[in-house]
Amino acid sequence: MRSRKNNTTLTRKVDKWNARKVWLIKRYADGHYAINQEVGGRVFYSRFQRATKAQIAAIFACC
């Protein structure tokens, strides 16, 4: 989903081990990323946390 206001893209990805947890990955127009979590339909943290592509890939890497 792309926001017109600040030109960001928000991607929702379901967690592998907990179906109630959804990772929210926001990509800004300048190329940086931020993540947050949604648990049971409610956003868990009040703010998005800045992350690199490598950190995001590590979260979803198969163990």
N, C-alpha and C. Protein backbone atom coordinates (compact mmCIF):
# COMPACT_ATOMS: atom_id res chain seq x y z
N MET A 1 0.85 -1.16 0.00
CA MET A 1 0.00 0.00 0.00
C MET A 1 0.90 1.23 0.00
N ARG A 2 0.66 2.17 -0.93
CA ARG A 2 1.47 3.37 -1.05
C ARG A 2 0.68 4.57 -0.55
N SER A 3 1.33 5.36 0.29
CA SER A 3 0.71 6.58 0.82
C SER A 3 1.03 7.75 -0.09
N ARG A 4 0.05 8.54 -0.43
CA ARG A 4 0.28 9.71 -1.27
C ARG A 4 0.92 10.85 -0.49
N LYS A 5 0.65 10.91 0.80
CA LYS A 5 1.10 12.05 1.62
C LYS A 5 2.62 12.14 1.69
N ASN A 6 3.29 11.05 2.06
CA ASN A 6 4.74 11.12 2.20
C ASN A 6 5.47 10.11 1.32
N ASN A 7 4.75 9.53 0.35
CA ASN A 7 5.34 8.63 -0.65
C ASN A 7 6.05 7.43 -0.01
N THR A 8 5.38 6.78 0.95
CA THR A 8 5.92 5.59 1.58
C THR A 8 5.15 4.37 1.13
N THR A 9 5.80 3.21 1.26
CA THR A 9 5.14 1.95 0.94
C THR A 9 5.13 1.11 2.21
N LEU A 10 3.96 0.58 2.57
CA LEU A 10 3.82 -0.25 3.76
C LEU A 10 3.51 -1.67 3.33
N THR A 11 4.36 -2.61 3.78
CA THR A 11 4.19 -4.03 3.47
C THR A 11 3.88 -4.76 4.76
N ARG A 12 2.91 -5.67 4.70
CA ARG A 12 2.52 -6.48 5.87
C ARG A 12 2.98 -7.90 5.60
N LYS A 13 3.72 -8.50 6.56
CA LYS A 13 4.22 -9.86 6.40
C LYS A 13 3.93 -10.65 7.67
N VAL A 14 3.24 -11.78 7.55
CA VAL A 14 2.87 -12.60 8.69
C VAL A 14 4.10 -13.33 9.21
N ASP A 15 4.25 -13.38 10.53
CA ASP A 15 5.37 -14.06 11.18
C ASP A 15 5.27 -15.57 10.95
N LYS A 16 6.43 -16.24 10.84
CA LYS A 16 6.45 -17.69 10.60
C LYS A 16 5.92 -18.50 11.75
N TRP A 17 6.24 -18.10 12.98
CA TRP A 17 5.94 -18.91 14.15
C TRP A 17 4.69 -18.48 14.89
N ASN A 18 4.23 -17.26 14.68
CA ASN A 18 3.05 -16.76 15.38
C ASN A 18 2.13 -16.09 14.36
N ALA A 19 1.04 -16.76 14.04
CA ALA A 19 0.13 -16.25 13.01
C ALA A 19 -0.57 -14.96 13.43
N ARG A 20 -0.62 -14.68 14.72
CA ARG A 20 -1.25 -13.44 15.19
C ARG A 20 -0.33 -12.24 15.03
N LYS A 21 0.97 -12.48 14.82
CA LYS A 21 1.93 -11.38 14.69
C LYS A 21 2.16 -11.06 13.21
N VAL A 22 2.05 -9.79 12.88
CA VAL A 22 2.28 -9.31 11.52
C VAL A 22 3.37 -8.25 11.59
N TRP A 23 4.39 -8.41 10.74
CA TRP A 23 5.46 -7.41 10.67
C TRP A 23 5.02 -6.33 9.69
N LEU A 24 5.17 -5.08 10.07
CA LEU A 24 4.86 -3.94 9.22
C LEU A 24 6.20 -3.36 8.76
N ILE A 25 6.44 -3.37 7.47
CA ILE A 25 7.71 -2.88 6.91
C ILE A 25 7.39 -1.66 6.06
N LYS A 26 7.95 -0.54 6.45
CA LYS A 26 7.69 0.72 5.76
C LYS A 26 8.94 1.12 5.00
N ARG A 27 8.78 1.42 3.71
CA ARG A 27 9.89 1.90 2.89
C ARG A 27 9.61 3.33 2.50
N TYR A 28 10.53 4.22 2.84
CA TYR A 28 10.38 5.64 2.56
C TYR A 28 10.90 5.97 1.16
N ALA A 29 10.52 7.10 0.65
CA ALA A 29 10.90 7.52 -0.70
C ALA A 29 12.42 7.65 -0.86
N ASP A 30 13.11 8.02 0.22
CA ASP A 30 14.56 8.17 0.13
C ASP A 30 15.30 6.84 0.27
N GLY A 31 14.57 5.73 0.45
CA GLY A 31 15.19 4.40 0.43
C GLY A 31 15.43 3.76 1.77
N HIS A 32 15.17 4.44 2.89
CA HIS A 32 15.41 3.77 4.16
C HIS A 32 14.14 3.04 4.61
N TYR A 33 14.34 2.09 5.51
CA TYR A 33 13.26 1.22 5.97
C TYR A 33 13.01 1.40 7.46
N ALA A 34 11.78 1.08 7.87
CA ALA A 34 11.41 1.08 9.28
C ALA A 34 10.46 -0.09 9.49
N ILE A 35 10.51 -0.69 10.70
CA ILE A 35 9.67 -1.84 10.99
C ILE A 35 8.87 -1.62 12.27
N ASN A 36 7.76 -2.34 12.36
CA ASN A 36 6.94 -2.34 13.55
C ASN A 36 6.22 -3.68 13.57
N GLN A 37 5.52 -3.97 14.64
CA GLN A 37 4.78 -5.23 14.74
C GLN A 37 3.33 -4.95 15.06
N GLU A 38 2.47 -5.82 14.54
CA GLU A 38 1.05 -5.77 14.85
C GLU A 38 0.70 -7.13 15.44
N VAL A 39 0.14 -7.15 16.63
CA VAL A 39 -0.21 -8.40 17.30
C VAL A 39 -1.71 -8.37 17.58
N GLY A 40 -2.40 -9.37 17.06
CA GLY A 40 -3.84 -9.44 17.27
C GLY A 40 -4.60 -8.26 16.70
N GLY A 41 -4.09 -7.67 15.63
CA GLY A 41 -4.78 -6.55 15.00
C GLY A 41 -4.45 -5.19 15.56
N ARG A 42 -3.58 -5.13 16.57
CA ARG A 42 -3.20 -3.83 17.17
C ARG A 42 -1.70 -3.61 17.02
N VAL A 43 -1.34 -2.39 16.66
CA VAL A 43 0.07 -2.05 16.52
C VAL A 43 0.73 -2.11 17.89
N PHE A 44 1.84 -2.85 17.97
CA PHE A 44 2.46 -3.14 19.26
C PHE A 44 3.29 -1.97 19.79
N TYR A 45 4.15 -1.41 18.96
CA TYR A 45 5.00 -0.29 19.38
C TYR A 45 4.40 1.02 18.86
N SER A 46 4.59 2.09 19.60
CA SER A 46 3.99 3.37 19.21
C SER A 46 4.70 4.00 18.01
N ARG A 47 5.96 3.64 17.78
CA ARG A 47 6.71 4.21 16.67
C ARG A 47 7.39 3.11 15.86
N PHE A 48 7.62 3.40 14.59
CA PHE A 48 8.39 2.49 13.75
C PHE A 48 9.86 2.62 14.10
N GLN A 49 10.59 1.49 14.03
CA GLN A 49 12.02 1.48 14.32
C GLN A 49 12.79 1.37 13.01
N ARG A 50 13.80 2.22 12.85
CA ARG A 50 14.58 2.22 11.63
C ARG A 50 15.37 0.92 11.52
N ALA A 51 15.46 0.37 10.31
CA ALA A 51 16.16 -0.90 10.09
C ALA A 51 16.79 -0.89 8.70
N THR A 52 17.83 -1.70 8.55
CA THR A 52 18.45 -1.87 7.25
C THR A 52 17.82 -3.06 6.54
N LYS A 53 18.09 -3.18 5.24
CA LYS A 53 17.57 -4.31 4.48
C LYS A 53 18.14 -5.62 5.03
N ALA A 54 19.39 -5.61 5.48
CA ALA A 54 20.01 -6.82 6.03
C ALA A 54 19.33 -7.23 7.34
N GLN A 55 18.97 -6.28 8.18
CA GLN A 55 18.27 -6.61 9.42
C GLN A 55 16.90 -7.21 9.14
N ILE A 56 16.21 -6.65 8.17
CA ILE A 56 14.90 -7.17 7.80
C ILE A 56 15.02 -8.58 7.22
N ALA A 57 16.03 -8.79 6.38
CA ALA A 57 16.24 -10.12 5.80
C ALA A 57 16.58 -11.14 6.87
N ALA A 58 17.31 -10.72 7.91
CA ALA A 58 17.66 -11.62 9.00
C ALA A 58 16.43 -12.05 9.79
N ILE A 59 15.45 -11.18 9.91
CA ILE A 59 14.22 -11.52 10.64
C ILE A 59 13.49 -12.65 9.92
N PHE A 60 13.48 -12.60 8.60
CA PHE A 60 12.71 -13.57 7.82
C PHE A 60 13.55 -14.71 7.26
N ALA A 61 14.82 -14.79 7.66
CA ALA A 61 15.68 -15.89 7.20
C ALA A 61 15.25 -17.19 7.84
N CYS A 62 15.35 -18.25 7.10
CA CYS A 62 14.96 -19.56 7.62
C CYS A 62 16.02 -20.07 8.58
N CYS A 63 15.59 -20.57 9.73
CA CYS A 63 16.51 -21.07 10.77
C CYS A 63 16.55 -22.58 10.75
